[in-house]
C-alpha atoms as a PDB file:
ATOM      1  CA  MET A   1      -9.895  -9.830   0.030  1.00  0.00           C
ATOM      2  CA  THR A   2      -9.423  -9.480  -3.915  1.00  0.00           C
ATOM      3  CA  GLY A   3      -7.105  -7.225  -5.681  1.00  0.00           C
ATOM      4  CA  GLU A   4     -10.114  -5.086  -7.202  1.00  0.00           C
ATOM      5  CA  GLU A   5     -11.503  -5.075  -3.567  1.00  0.00           C
ATOM      6  CA  LEU A   6      -7.752  -3.387  -2.355  1.00  0.00           C
ATOM      7  CA  LYS A   7      -7.984  -1.016  -5.302  1.00  0.00           C
ATOM      8  CA  GLN A   8     -11.465  -0.051  -4.505  1.00  0.00           C
ATOM      9  CA  LYS A   9     -10.311   0.690  -0.509  1.00  0.00           C
ATOM     10  CA  LEU A  10      -7.345   2.516  -1.442  1.00  0.00           C
ATOM     11  CA  ALA A  11      -9.674   4.466  -3.751  1.00  0.00           C
ATOM     12  CA  LEU A  12     -12.006   5.365  -0.769  1.00  0.00           C
ATOM     13  CA  LEU A  13      -9.050   6.180   1.176  1.00  0.00           C
ATOM     14  CA  ALA A  14      -7.232   8.480  -1.686  1.00  0.00           C
ATOM     15  CA  GLU A  15     -10.889  10.358  -1.944  1.00  0.00           C
ATOM     16  CA  LYS A  16     -11.060  11.360   1.959  1.00  0.00           C
ATOM     17  CA  HIS A  17      -7.112  12.339   1.801  1.00  0.00           C
ATOM     18  CA  MET A  18      -8.319  14.842  -1.307  1.00  0.00           C
ATOM     19  CA  GLN A  19     -10.706  16.240   1.215  1.00  0.00           C
ATOM     20  CA  THR A  20      -8.052  17.171   4.017  1.00  0.00           C
ATOM     21  CA  GLU A  21      -6.223  20.682   4.414  1.00  0.00           C
ATOM     22  CA  GLU A  22      -3.258  18.721   3.978  1.00  0.00           C
ATOM     23  CA  TYR A  23      -4.346  17.803   0.565  1.00  0.00           C
ATOM     24  CA  ASN A  24      -1.668  19.433  -1.864  1.00  0.00           C
ATOM     25  CA  THR A  25      -0.095  21.842   0.932  1.00  0.00           C
ATOM     26  CA  SER A  26       2.603  19.392   2.124  1.00  0.00           C
ATOM     27  CA  SER A  27       3.745  15.881   1.867  1.00  0.00           C
ATOM     28  CA  TYR A  28       1.878  14.225   5.248  1.00  0.00           C
ATOM     29  CA  GLU A  29      -0.630  11.819   4.011  1.00  0.00           C
ATOM     30  CA  PRO A  30      -2.995  10.990   7.006  1.00  0.00           C
ATOM     31  CA  TYR A  31      -4.471   7.869   5.627  1.00  0.00           C
ATOM     32  CA  ARG A  32      -0.846   6.382   4.521  1.00  0.00           C
ATOM     33  CA  GLY A  33      -0.973   4.177   7.749  1.00  0.00           C
ATOM     34  CA  GLU A  34      -4.639   2.671   6.908  1.00  0.00           C
ATOM     35  CA  ALA A  35      -3.537   2.238   3.039  1.00  0.00           C
ATOM     36  CA  LEU A  36      -0.371   0.208   4.312  1.00  0.00           C
ATOM     37  CA  ARG A  37      -2.152  -2.204   6.423  1.00  0.00           C
ATOM     38  CA  LEU A  38      -4.729  -2.690   3.655  1.00  0.00           C
ATOM     39  CA  ILE A  39      -1.882  -3.537   1.433  1.00  0.00           C
ATOM     40  CA  PHE A  40      -0.319  -5.477   4.137  1.00  0.00           C
ATOM     41  CA  GLU A  41      -3.561  -7.690   4.630  1.00  0.00           C
ATOM     42  CA  TYR A  42      -3.712  -8.231   0.855  1.00  0.00           C
ATOM     43  CA  ALA A  43      -0.339  -9.511   0.634  1.00  0.00           C
ATOM     44  CA  MET A  44      -0.716 -11.997   3.450  1.00  0.00           C
ATOM     45  CA  GLU A  45      -4.017 -13.170   2.115  1.00  0.00           C
ATOM     46  CA  ASN A  46      -2.356 -13.682  -0.945  1.00  0.00           C
ATOM     47  CA  ASN A  47       1.145 -15.070   0.367  1.00  0.00           C
ATOM     48  CA  TYR A  48       3.305 -12.844  -1.440  1.00  0.00           C
ATOM     49  CA  ARG A  49       7.107 -13.251  -0.746  1.00  0.00           C
ATOM     50  CA  VAL A  50       9.187 -10.526   0.373  1.00  0.00           C
ATOM     51  CA  GLU A  51      13.036 -10.686   0.015  1.00  0.00           C
ATOM     52  CA  GLY A  52      12.827 -14.339   0.418  1.00  0.00           C
ATOM     53  CA  TYR A  53      10.562 -14.281   3.548  1.00  0.00           C
ATOM     54  CA  ASN A  54       7.348 -15.355   3.541  1.00  0.00           C
ATOM     55  CA  LEU A  55       4.998 -12.473   4.926  1.00  0.00           C
ATOM     56  CA  LYS A  56       2.917 -14.918   6.732  1.00  0.00           C
ATOM     57  CA  LYS A  57       6.033 -16.170   8.781  1.00  0.00           C
ATOM     58  CA  LEU A  58       7.156 -12.989   9.071  1.00  0.00           C
ATOM     59  CA  ALA A  59       3.787 -11.623  10.823  1.00  0.00           C
ATOM     60  CA  SER A  60       3.421 -14.211  13.245  1.00  0.00           C
ATOM     61  CA  ASP A  61       6.760 -13.120  14.814  1.00  0.00           C
ATOM     62  CA  PRO A  62       5.412 -11.028  17.621  1.00  0.00           C
ATOM     63  CA  LYS A  63       8.836  -8.890  17.544  1.00  0.00           C
ATOM     64  CA  ILE A  64       7.718  -7.494  14.361  1.00  0.00           C
ATOM     65  CA  HIS A  65       5.243  -4.947  13.982  1.00  0.00           C
ATOM     66  CA  TRP A  66       3.026  -5.152  10.709  1.00  0.00           C
ATOM     67  CA  LYS A  67       4.108  -1.558  10.022  1.00  0.00           C
ATOM     68  CA  GLU A  68       7.585  -2.624   9.763  1.00  0.00           C
ATOM     69  CA  ILE A  69       6.697  -5.454   7.080  1.00  0.00           C
ATOM     70  CA  CYS A  70       4.770  -2.524   5.170  1.00  0.00           C
ATOM     71  CA  ASP A  71       7.749  -0.421   5.105  1.00  0.00           C
ATOM     72  CA  MET A  72       9.733  -3.052   3.763  1.00  0.00           C
ATOM     73  CA  ILE A  73       7.521  -3.774   1.326  1.00  0.00           C
ATOM     74  CA  TYR A  74       7.132   0.200   0.560  1.00  0.00           C
ATOM     75  CA  ASP A  75      10.941   0.188   0.484  1.00  0.00           C
ATOM     76  CA  ILE A  76      11.788  -2.509  -2.077  1.00  0.00           C
ATOM     77  CA  ASN A  77       8.680  -1.548  -4.217  1.00  0.00           C
ATOM     78  CA  ASP A  78      11.005  -0.038  -7.117  1.00  0.00           C
ATOM     79  CA  MET A  79      13.710  -2.832  -7.160  1.00  0.00           C
ATOM     80  CA  PRO A  80      13.421  -5.402  -9.635  1.00  0.00           C
ATOM     81  CA  GLY A  81      13.243  -8.811  -8.615  1.00  0.00           C
ATOM     82  CA  LEU A  82      12.925  -8.155  -4.840  1.00  0.00           C
ATOM     83  CA  ALA A  83       9.100  -7.940  -4.963  1.00  0.00           C
ATOM     84  CA  ASP A  84       6.385 -10.040  -6.821  1.00  0.00           C
ATOM     85  CA  LYS A  85       5.484  -7.972  -9.781  1.00  0.00           C
ATOM     86  CA  GLY A  86       1.726  -8.350  -8.744  1.00  0.00           C
ATOM     87  CA  PHE A  87       2.632  -6.884  -5.873  1.00  0.00           C
ATOM     88  CA  ARG A  88       4.372  -3.848  -7.662  1.00  0.00           C
ATOM     89  CA  ASP A  89       1.509  -3.435  -9.921  1.00  0.00           C
ATOM     90  CA  TRP A  90      -0.786  -3.218  -6.827  1.00  0.00           C
ATOM     91  CA  MET A  91       1.699  -0.375  -5.284  1.00  0.00           C
ATOM     92  CA  HIS A  92       1.268   1.370  -8.517  1.00  0.00           C
ATOM     93  CA  TYR A  93      -2.218   2.396  -6.950  1.00  0.00           C
ATOM     94  CA  TRP A  94      -0.760   4.489  -4.165  1.00  0.00           C
ATOM     95  CA  PHE A  95      -2.486   7.678  -2.890  1.00  0.00           C
ATOM     96  CA  ASN A  96      -0.698  10.277  -5.070  1.00  0.00           C
ATOM     97  CA  ASP A  97      -1.536   8.103  -8.299  1.00  0.00           C
ATOM     98  CA  LEU A  98      -4.853   7.564  -7.200  1.00  0.00           C
ATOM     99  CA  CYS A  99      -5.333  11.134  -6.217  1.00  0.00           C
ATOM    100  CA  LEU A 100      -3.861  12.443  -9.784  1.00  0.00           C
ATOM    101  CA  GLU A 101      -6.043   9.811 -11.667  1.00  0.00           C
ATOM    102  CA  MET A 102      -9.423  10.794  -9.586  1.00  0.00           C
ATOM    103  CA  GLU A 103      -8.890  14.611 -10.100  1.00  0.00           C
ATOM    104  CA  PRO A 104     -11.650  16.172 -12.573  1.00  0.00           C
ATOM    105  CA  SER A 105      -9.935  17.136 -15.815  1.00  0.00           C
ATOM    106  CA  GLU A 106      -9.930  20.763 -16.675  1.00  0.00           C
END
């Protein structure tokens, strides 16, 4: 998956998110897990490293669930030097940013 494909898939999820009753009424994001899975797959395909660990090696450990790795990636997103700049750039397209960008201007 290319970075552009990831962006498009996250944009589709954000669009679905905006059509839910939860949008603007709570912080619950029904598609967060799916978005994290896509981000995780992209990071693995592109061999990103997190806190010195290779994601492919982490993912091959049966004791570590992909959600744990996604949470680790998400948690370190704003800490300079801990995540590759390219990955932080893609994290910018998280739901809230996408939803704001996609809303019609008044």
